Structure formats: structure tokens, C-alpha cells
Amino acid sequence: MQLKTRRRFKQDRPLQDRIEEWAEQLRQQAIQLDPGPERDNLLKKARQADVASHIQDWAHSPGLQPPKGQSPTK
């Protein structure tokens, strides 16, 4: 049995930029819809993408460091 090779490609833009663009696309799609569950779902996904972007900012902030003098726990 032959193993399938995994397709790989290098991303040309950072994850955060791609998330922000996706969130904006979702908002634009939602604007074109009448109020209802489909529009609500698109707006919910856009909010989740915004949260993911903010978490990415927070996780990579220079202020997120272990206390000095203490070893990190595993």
C-alpha cells in the first residue's frame, strides 16, 4: 500500500491577516442578506474570527511572559 503524500504550500501572508480578511468577507456577505438565521451565522463567524485575531495579538504580545525568577511549569 502506497502512502499518499501530503500537499503542502507556503502561506504568503500571516495567519492574522488571513483571519481578518475572512472576517471582512463574512461581514460583506452578511450585509447582502436579509435578516435571518443565515445572516446571523455569518455575523457569528465574523465575530469568532475577530476573537481569534485578538487572541493571536494577545498570545504574541511582549507582555505575556512568565514571572522572573520562576521556572516555567510543564
PDB file of N, CA and C in Angstrom:
ATOM      1  N   MET A   1       0.842  -1.173   0.000  1.00  0.00           N
ATOM      2  CA  MET A   1       0.000   0.000   0.000  1.00  0.00           C
ATOM      3  C   MET A   1       0.889   1.238   0.000  1.00  0.00           C
ATOM      4  N   GLN A   2       0.592   2.150  -0.907  1.00  0.00           N
ATOM      5  CA  GLN A   2       1.397   3.347  -1.045  1.00  0.00           C
ATOM      6  C   GLN A   2       0.794   4.479  -0.201  1.00  0.00           C
ATOM      7  N   LEU A   3       1.654   5.175   0.516  1.00  0.00           N
ATOM      8  CA  LEU A   3       1.192   6.304   1.320  1.00  0.00           C
ATOM      9  C   LEU A   3       0.937   7.509   0.428  1.00  0.00           C
ATOM     10  N   LYS A   4      -0.120   8.204   0.714  1.00  0.00           N
ATOM     11  CA  LYS A   4      -0.396   9.426  -0.023  1.00  0.00           C
ATOM     12  C   LYS A   4       0.525  10.522   0.489  1.00  0.00           C
ATOM     13  N   THR A   5       1.011  11.333  -0.418  1.00  0.00           N
ATOM     14  CA  THR A   5       1.842  12.449   0.009  1.00  0.00           C
ATOM     15  C   THR A   5       0.939  13.623   0.339  1.00  0.00           C
ATOM     16  N   ARG A   6       1.304  14.306   1.346  1.00  0.00           N
ATOM     17  CA  ARG A   6       0.510  15.437   1.802  1.00  0.00           C
ATOM     18  C   ARG A   6       0.878  16.676   0.990  1.00  0.00           C
ATOM     19  N   ARG A   7      -0.146  17.336   0.483  1.00  0.00           N
ATOM     20  CA  ARG A   7       0.112  18.555  -0.274  1.00  0.00           C
ATOM     21  C   ARG A   7       0.464  19.665   0.703  1.00  0.00           C
ATOM     22  N   ARG A   8       1.560  20.313   0.456  1.00  0.00           N
ATOM     23  CA  ARG A   8       1.989  21.406   1.322  1.00  0.00           C
ATOM     24  C   ARG A   8       2.274  22.634   0.476  1.00  0.00           C
ATOM     25  N   PHE A   9       1.998  23.772   1.038  1.00  0.00           N
ATOM     26  CA  PHE A   9       2.352  25.007   0.362  1.00  0.00           C
ATOM     27  C   PHE A   9       2.636  26.062   1.411  1.00  0.00           C
ATOM     28  N   LYS A  10       3.473  26.993   1.055  1.00  0.00           N
ATOM     29  CA  LYS A  10       3.867  28.043   1.979  1.00  0.00           C
ATOM     30  C   LYS A  10       2.857  29.185   1.891  1.00  0.00           C
ATOM     31  N   GLN A  11       2.381  29.614   3.033  1.00  0.00           N
ATOM     32  CA  GLN A  11       1.447  30.729   3.081  1.00  0.00           C
ATOM     33  C   GLN A  11       2.204  32.017   2.764  1.00  0.00           C
ATOM     34  N   ASP A  12       1.634  32.853   1.938  1.00  0.00           N
ATOM     35  CA  ASP A  12       2.308  34.091   1.569  1.00  0.00           C
ATOM     36  C   ASP A  12       1.935  35.263   2.479  1.00  0.00           C
ATOM     37  N   ARG A  13       0.914  35.073   3.316  1.00  0.00           N
ATOM     38  CA  ARG A  13       0.501  36.122   4.249  1.00  0.00           C
ATOM     39  C   ARG A  13       0.344  35.527   5.639  1.00  0.00           C
ATOM     40  N   PRO A  14       0.571  36.331   6.659  1.00  0.00           N
ATOM     41  CA  PRO A  14       0.424  35.833   8.037  1.00  0.00           C
ATOM     42  C   PRO A  14      -1.016  35.398   8.337  1.00  0.00           C
ATOM     43  N   LEU A  15      -1.141  34.475   9.274  1.00  0.00           N
ATOM     44  CA  LEU A  15      -2.446  33.951   9.670  1.00  0.00           C
ATOM     45  C   LEU A  15      -3.391  35.072  10.095  1.00  0.00           C
ATOM     46  N   GLN A  16      -2.895  36.001  10.866  1.00  0.00           N
ATOM     47  CA  GLN A  16      -3.754  37.070  11.368  1.00  0.00           C
ATOM     48  C   GLN A  16      -4.348  37.886  10.215  1.00  0.00           C
ATOM     49  N   ASP A  17      -3.561  38.172   9.201  1.00  0.00           N
ATOM     50  CA  ASP A  17      -4.076  38.920   8.048  1.00  0.00           C
ATOM     51  C   ASP A  17      -5.162  38.124   7.331  1.00  0.00           C
ATOM     52  N   ARG A  18      -4.946  36.818   7.189  1.00  0.00           N
ATOM     53  CA  ARG A  18      -5.929  35.977   6.515  1.00  0.00           C
ATOM     54  C   ARG A  18      -7.217  35.884   7.317  1.00  0.00           C
ATOM     55  N   ILE A  19      -7.106  35.822   8.639  1.00  0.00           N
ATOM     56  CA  ILE A  19      -8.298  35.773   9.505  1.00  0.00           C
ATOM     57  C   ILE A  19      -9.088  37.075   9.389  1.00  0.00           C
ATOM     58  N   GLU A  20      -8.379  38.204   9.428  1.00  0.00           N
ATOM     59  CA  GLU A  20      -9.056  39.499   9.342  1.00  0.00           C
ATOM     60  C   GLU A  20      -9.749  39.668   7.994  1.00  0.00           C
ATOM     61  N   GLU A  21      -9.105  39.222   6.920  1.00  0.00           N
ATOM     62  CA  GLU A  21      -9.717  39.316   5.595  1.00  0.00           C
ATOM     63  C   GLU A  21     -10.967  38.436   5.510  1.00  0.00           C
ATOM     64  N   TRP A  22     -10.880  37.240   6.072  1.00  0.00           N
ATOM     65  CA  TRP A  22     -12.011  36.320   6.061  1.00  0.00           C
ATOM     66  C   TRP A  22     -13.190  36.920   6.830  1.00  0.00           C
ATOM     67  N   ALA A  23     -12.891  37.528   7.989  1.00  0.00           N
ATOM     68  CA  ALA A  23     -13.956  38.146   8.788  1.00  0.00           C
ATOM     69  C   ALA A  23     -14.633  39.256   7.997  1.00  0.00           C
ATOM     70  N   GLU A  24     -13.861  40.049   7.270  1.00  0.00           N
ATOM     71  CA  GLU A  24     -14.431  41.128   6.474  1.00  0.00           C
ATOM     72  C   GLU A  24     -15.285  40.564   5.329  1.00  0.00           C
ATOM     73  N   GLN A  25     -14.845  39.489   4.715  1.00  0.00           N
ATOM     74  CA  GLN A  25     -15.633  38.850   3.659  1.00  0.00           C
ATOM     75  C   GLN A  25     -16.968  38.344   4.210  1.00  0.00           C
ATOM     76  N   LEU A  26     -16.924  37.768   5.404  1.00  0.00           N
ATOM     77  CA  LEU A  26     -18.160  37.283   6.027  1.00  0.00           C
ATOM     78  C   LEU A  26     -19.124  38.429   6.295  1.00  0.00           C
ATOM     79  N   ARG A  27     -18.594  39.551   6.771  1.00  0.00           N
ATOM     80  CA  ARG A  27     -19.455  40.715   7.041  1.00  0.00           C
ATOM     81  C   ARG A  27     -20.088  41.238   5.750  1.00  0.00           C
ATOM     82  N   GLN A  28     -19.302  41.284   4.680  1.00  0.00           N
ATOM     83  CA  GLN A  28     -19.830  41.753   3.396  1.00  0.00           C
ATOM     84  C   GLN A  28     -20.934  40.828   2.880  1.00  0.00           C
ATOM     85  N   GLN A  29     -20.748  39.525   3.048  1.00  0.00           N
ATOM     86  CA  GLN A  29     -21.775  38.571   2.644  1.00  0.00           C
ATOM     87  C   GLN A  29     -23.038  38.759   3.482  1.00  0.00           C
ATOM     88  N   ALA A  30     -22.851  38.995   4.781  1.00  0.00           N
ATOM     89  CA  ALA A  30     -23.992  39.153   5.686  1.00  0.00           C
ATOM     90  C   ALA A  30     -24.798  40.402   5.345  1.00  0.00           C
ATOM     91  N   ILE A  31     -24.121  41.466   4.941  1.00  0.00           N
ATOM     92  CA  ILE A  31     -24.805  42.715   4.605  1.00  0.00           C
ATOM     93  C   ILE A  31     -25.776  42.499   3.444  1.00  0.00           C
ATOM     94  N   GLN A  32     -25.411  41.620   2.530  1.00  0.00           N
ATOM     95  CA  GLN A  32     -26.230  41.397   1.341  1.00  0.00           C
ATOM     96  C   GLN A  32     -27.460  40.535   1.622  1.00  0.00           C
ATOM     97  N   LEU A  33     -27.509  39.909   2.797  1.00  0.00           N
ATOM     98  CA  LEU A  33     -28.633  39.029   3.126  1.00  0.00           C
ATOM     99  C   LEU A  33     -29.698  39.767   3.936  1.00  0.00           C
ATOM    100  N   ASP A  34     -30.911  39.290   3.822  1.00  0.00           N
ATOM    101  CA  ASP A  34     -31.984  39.789   4.671  1.00  0.00           C
ATOM    102  C   ASP A  34     -31.779  39.229   6.081  1.00  0.00           C
ATOM    103  N   PRO A  35     -32.307  39.929   7.098  1.00  0.00           N
ATOM    104  CA  PRO A  35     -32.184  39.400   8.457  1.00  0.00           C
ATOM    105  C   PRO A  35     -32.755  37.982   8.539  1.00  0.00           C
ATOM    106  N   GLY A  36     -32.026  37.141   9.243  1.00  0.00           N
ATOM    107  CA  GLY A  36     -32.454  35.758   9.387  1.00  0.00           C
ATOM    108  C   GLY A  36     -31.309  34.896   9.892  1.00  0.00           C
ATOM    109  N   PRO A  37     -31.527  33.599  10.003  1.00  0.00           N
ATOM    110  CA  PRO A  37     -30.519  32.706  10.586  1.00  0.00           C
ATOM    111  C   PRO A  37     -29.223  32.630   9.772  1.00  0.00           C
ATOM    112  N   GLU A  38     -29.310  32.688   8.443  1.00  0.00           N
ATOM    113  CA  GLU A  38     -28.095  32.598   7.636  1.00  0.00           C
ATOM    114  C   GLU A  38     -27.198  33.821   7.871  1.00  0.00           C
ATOM    115  N   ARG A  39     -27.831  34.991   7.912  1.00  0.00           N
ATOM    116  CA  ARG A  39     -27.084  36.221   8.180  1.00  0.00           C
ATOM    117  C   ARG A  39     -26.484  36.184   9.590  1.00  0.00           C
ATOM    118  N   ASP A  40     -27.280  35.737  10.549  1.00  0.00           N
ATOM    119  CA  ASP A  40     -26.793  35.643  11.924  1.00  0.00           C
ATOM    120  C   ASP A  40     -25.580  34.717  12.021  1.00  0.00           C
ATOM    121  N   ASN A  41     -25.608  33.609  11.295  1.00  0.00           N
ATOM    122  CA  ASN A  41     -24.483  32.665  11.319  1.00  0.00           C
ATOM    123  C   ASN A  41     -23.220  33.286  10.731  1.00  0.00           C
ATOM    124  N   LEU A  42     -23.376  34.045   9.644  1.00  0.00           N
ATOM    125  CA  LEU A  42     -22.210  34.702   9.055  1.00  0.00           C
ATOM    126  C   LEU A  42     -21.624  35.742  10.015  1.00  0.00           C
ATOM    127  N   LEU A  43     -22.488  36.509  10.658  1.00  0.00           N
ATOM    128  CA  LEU A  43     -22.006  37.514  11.613  1.00  0.00           C
ATOM    129  C   LEU A  43     -21.351  36.858  12.825  1.00  0.00           C
ATOM    130  N   LYS A  44     -21.877  35.719  13.251  1.00  0.00           N
ATOM    131  CA  LYS A  44     -21.291  34.985  14.369  1.00  0.00           C
ATOM    132  C   LYS A  44     -19.886  34.499  14.000  1.00  0.00           C
ATOM    133  N   LYS A  45     -19.732  33.974  12.786  1.00  0.00           N
ATOM    134  CA  LYS A  45     -18.411  33.523  12.336  1.00  0.00           C
ATOM    135  C   LYS A  45     -17.436  34.697  12.250  1.00  0.00           C
ATOM    136  N   ALA A  46     -17.914  35.849  11.805  1.00  0.00           N
ATOM    137  CA  ALA A  46     -17.060  37.037  11.723  1.00  0.00           C
ATOM    138  C   ALA A  46     -16.600  37.454  13.121  1.00  0.00           C
ATOM    139  N   ARG A  47     -17.503  37.420  14.099  1.00  0.00           N
ATOM    140  CA  ARG A  47     -17.122  37.758  15.487  1.00  0.00           C
ATOM    141  C   ARG A  47     -16.108  36.757  16.027  1.00  0.00           C
ATOM    142  N   GLN A  48     -16.295  35.472  15.715  1.00  0.00           N
ATOM    143  CA  GLN A  48     -15.347  34.454  16.166  1.00  0.00           C
ATOM    144  C   GLN A  48     -13.977  34.687  15.532  1.00  0.00           C
ATOM    145  N   ALA A  49     -13.954  35.085  14.280  1.00  0.00           N
ATOM    146  CA  ALA A  49     -12.679  35.378  13.617  1.00  0.00           C
ATOM    147  C   ALA A  49     -12.007  36.580  14.277  1.00  0.00           C
ATOM    148  N   ASP A  50     -12.795  37.596  14.649  1.00  0.00           N
ATOM    149  CA  ASP A  50     -12.236  38.754  15.351  1.00  0.00           C
ATOM    150  C   ASP A  50     -11.628  38.338  16.687  1.00  0.00           C
ATOM    151  N   VAL A  51     -12.325  37.474  17.405  1.00  0.00           N
ATOM    152  CA  VAL A  51     -11.815  36.987  18.693  1.00  0.00           C
ATOM    153  C   VAL A  51     -10.508  36.221  18.476  1.00  0.00           C
ATOM    154  N   ALA A  52     -10.467  35.391  17.455  1.00  0.00           N
ATOM    155  CA  ALA A  52      -9.247  34.636  17.161  1.00  0.00           C
ATOM    156  C   ALA A  52      -8.094  35.582  16.852  1.00  0.00           C
ATOM    157  N   SER A  53      -8.377  36.645  16.131  1.00  0.00           N
ATOM    158  CA  SER A  53      -7.355  37.630  15.805  1.00  0.00           C
ATOM    159  C   SER A  53      -6.839  38.317  17.075  1.00  0.00           C
ATOM    160  N   HIS A  54      -7.760  38.672  17.977  1.00  0.00           N
ATOM    161  CA  HIS A  54      -7.354  39.320  19.227  1.00  0.00           C
ATOM    162  C   HIS A  54      -6.567  38.361  20.123  1.00  0.00           C
ATOM    163  N   ILE A  55      -6.940  37.106  20.132  1.00  0.00           N
ATOM    164  CA  ILE A  55      -6.194  36.122  20.913  1.00  0.00           C
ATOM    165  C   ILE A  55      -4.787  35.974  20.344  1.00  0.00           C
ATOM    166  N   GLN A  56      -4.683  35.989  19.018  1.00  0.00           N
ATOM    167  CA  GLN A  56      -3.373  35.920  18.368  1.00  0.00           C
ATOM    168  C   GLN A  56      -2.512  37.113  18.800  1.00  0.00           C
ATOM    169  N   ASP A  57      -3.097  38.314  18.825  1.00  0.00           N
ATOM    170  CA  ASP A  57      -2.376  39.508  19.294  1.00  0.00           C
ATOM    171  C   ASP A  57      -1.910  39.318  20.732  1.00  0.00           C
ATOM    172  N   TRP A  58      -2.823  38.873  21.566  1.00  0.00           N
ATOM    173  CA  TRP A  58      -2.510  38.709  22.988  1.00  0.00           C
ATOM    174  C   TRP A  58      -1.414  37.671  23.201  1.00  0.00           C
ATOM    175  N   ALA A  59      -1.512  36.558  22.489  1.00  0.00           N
ATOM    176  CA  ALA A  59      -0.533  35.478  22.675  1.00  0.00           C
ATOM    177  C   ALA A  59       0.864  35.883  22.228  1.00  0.00           C
ATOM    178  N   HIS A  60       0.949  36.804  21.283  1.00  0.00           N
ATOM    179  CA  HIS A  60       2.252  37.225  20.780  1.00  0.00           C
ATOM    180  C   HIS A  60       2.704  38.572  21.343  1.00  0.00           C
ATOM    181  N   SER A  61       1.995  39.063  22.339  1.00  0.00           N
ATOM    182  CA  SER A  61       2.377  40.345  22.926  1.00  0.00           C
ATOM    183  C   SER A  61       3.621  40.168  23.796  1.00  0.00           C
ATOM    184  N   PRO A  62       4.465  41.198  23.855  1.00  0.00           N
ATOM    185  CA  PRO A  62       5.683  41.088  24.661  1.00  0.00           C
ATOM    186  C   PRO A  62       5.377  41.034  26.158  1.00  0.00           C
ATOM    187  N   GLY A  63       4.198  41.440  26.558  1.00  0.00           N
ATOM    188  CA  GLY A  63       3.845  41.426  27.969  1.00  0.00           C
ATOM    189  C   GLY A  63       3.499  40.045  28.493  1.00  0.00           C
ATOM    190  N   LEU A  64       3.304  39.082  27.604  1.00  0.00           N
ATOM    191  CA  LEU A  64       2.938  37.735  28.011  1.00  0.00           C
ATOM    192  C   LEU A  64       4.210  36.930  28.256  1.00  0.00           C
ATOM    193  N   GLN A  65       4.713  37.014  29.478  1.00  0.00           N
ATOM    194  CA  GLN A  65       5.950  36.337  29.844  1.00  0.00           C
ATOM    195  C   GLN A  65       5.782  35.742  31.232  1.00  0.00           C
ATOM    196  N   PRO A  66       6.501  34.644  31.499  1.00  0.00           N
ATOM    197  CA  PRO A  66       6.437  34.076  32.844  1.00  0.00           C
ATOM    198  C   PRO A  66       7.107  35.017  33.838  1.00  0.00           C
ATOM    199  N   PRO A  67       6.697  34.955  35.102  1.00  0.00           N
ATOM    200  CA  PRO A  67       7.335  35.811  36.120  1.00  0.00           C
ATOM    201  C   PRO A  67       8.830  35.546  36.186  1.00  0.00           C
ATOM    202  N   LYS A  68       9.589  36.602  36.420  1.00  0.00           N
ATOM    203  CA  LYS A  68      11.049  36.469  36.512  1.00  0.00           C
ATOM    204  C   LYS A  68      11.422  35.718  37.786  1.00  0.00           C
ATOM    205  N   GLY A  69      12.452  34.904  37.667  1.00  0.00           N
ATOM    206  CA  GLY A  69      12.928  34.152  38.826  1.00  0.00           C
ATOM    207  C   GLY A  69      12.216  32.840  39.050  1.00  0.00           C
ATOM    208  N   GLN A  70      11.207  32.550  38.268  1.00  0.00           N
ATOM    209  CA  GLN A  70      10.481  31.297  38.402  1.00  0.00           C
ATOM    210  C   GLN A  70      10.651  30.489  37.129  1.00  0.00           C
ATOM    211  N   SER A  71      10.821  29.194  37.300  1.00  0.00           N
ATOM    212  CA  SER A  71      10.937  28.352  36.116  1.00  0.00           C
ATOM    213  C   SER A  71       9.528  28.010  35.634  1.00  0.00           C
ATOM    214  N   PRO A  72       9.371  27.922  34.296  1.00  0.00           N
ATOM    215  CA  PRO A  72       8.040  27.564  33.772  1.00  0.00           C
ATOM    216  C   PRO A  72       7.684  26.139  34.156  1.00  0.00           C
ATOM    217  N   THR A  73       6.420  25.900  34.410  1.00  0.00           N
ATOM    218  CA  THR A  73       5.969  24.560  34.766  1.00  0.00           C
ATOM    219  C   THR A  73       5.610  23.799  33.512  1.00  0.00           C
ATOM    220  N   LYS A  74       5.713  22.516  33.582  1.00  0.00           N
ATOM    221  CA  LYS A  74       5.392  21.686  32.412  1.00  0.00           C
ATOM    222  C   LYS A  74       4.069  21.008  32.607  1.00  0.00           C
TER     223      LYS A  74
END
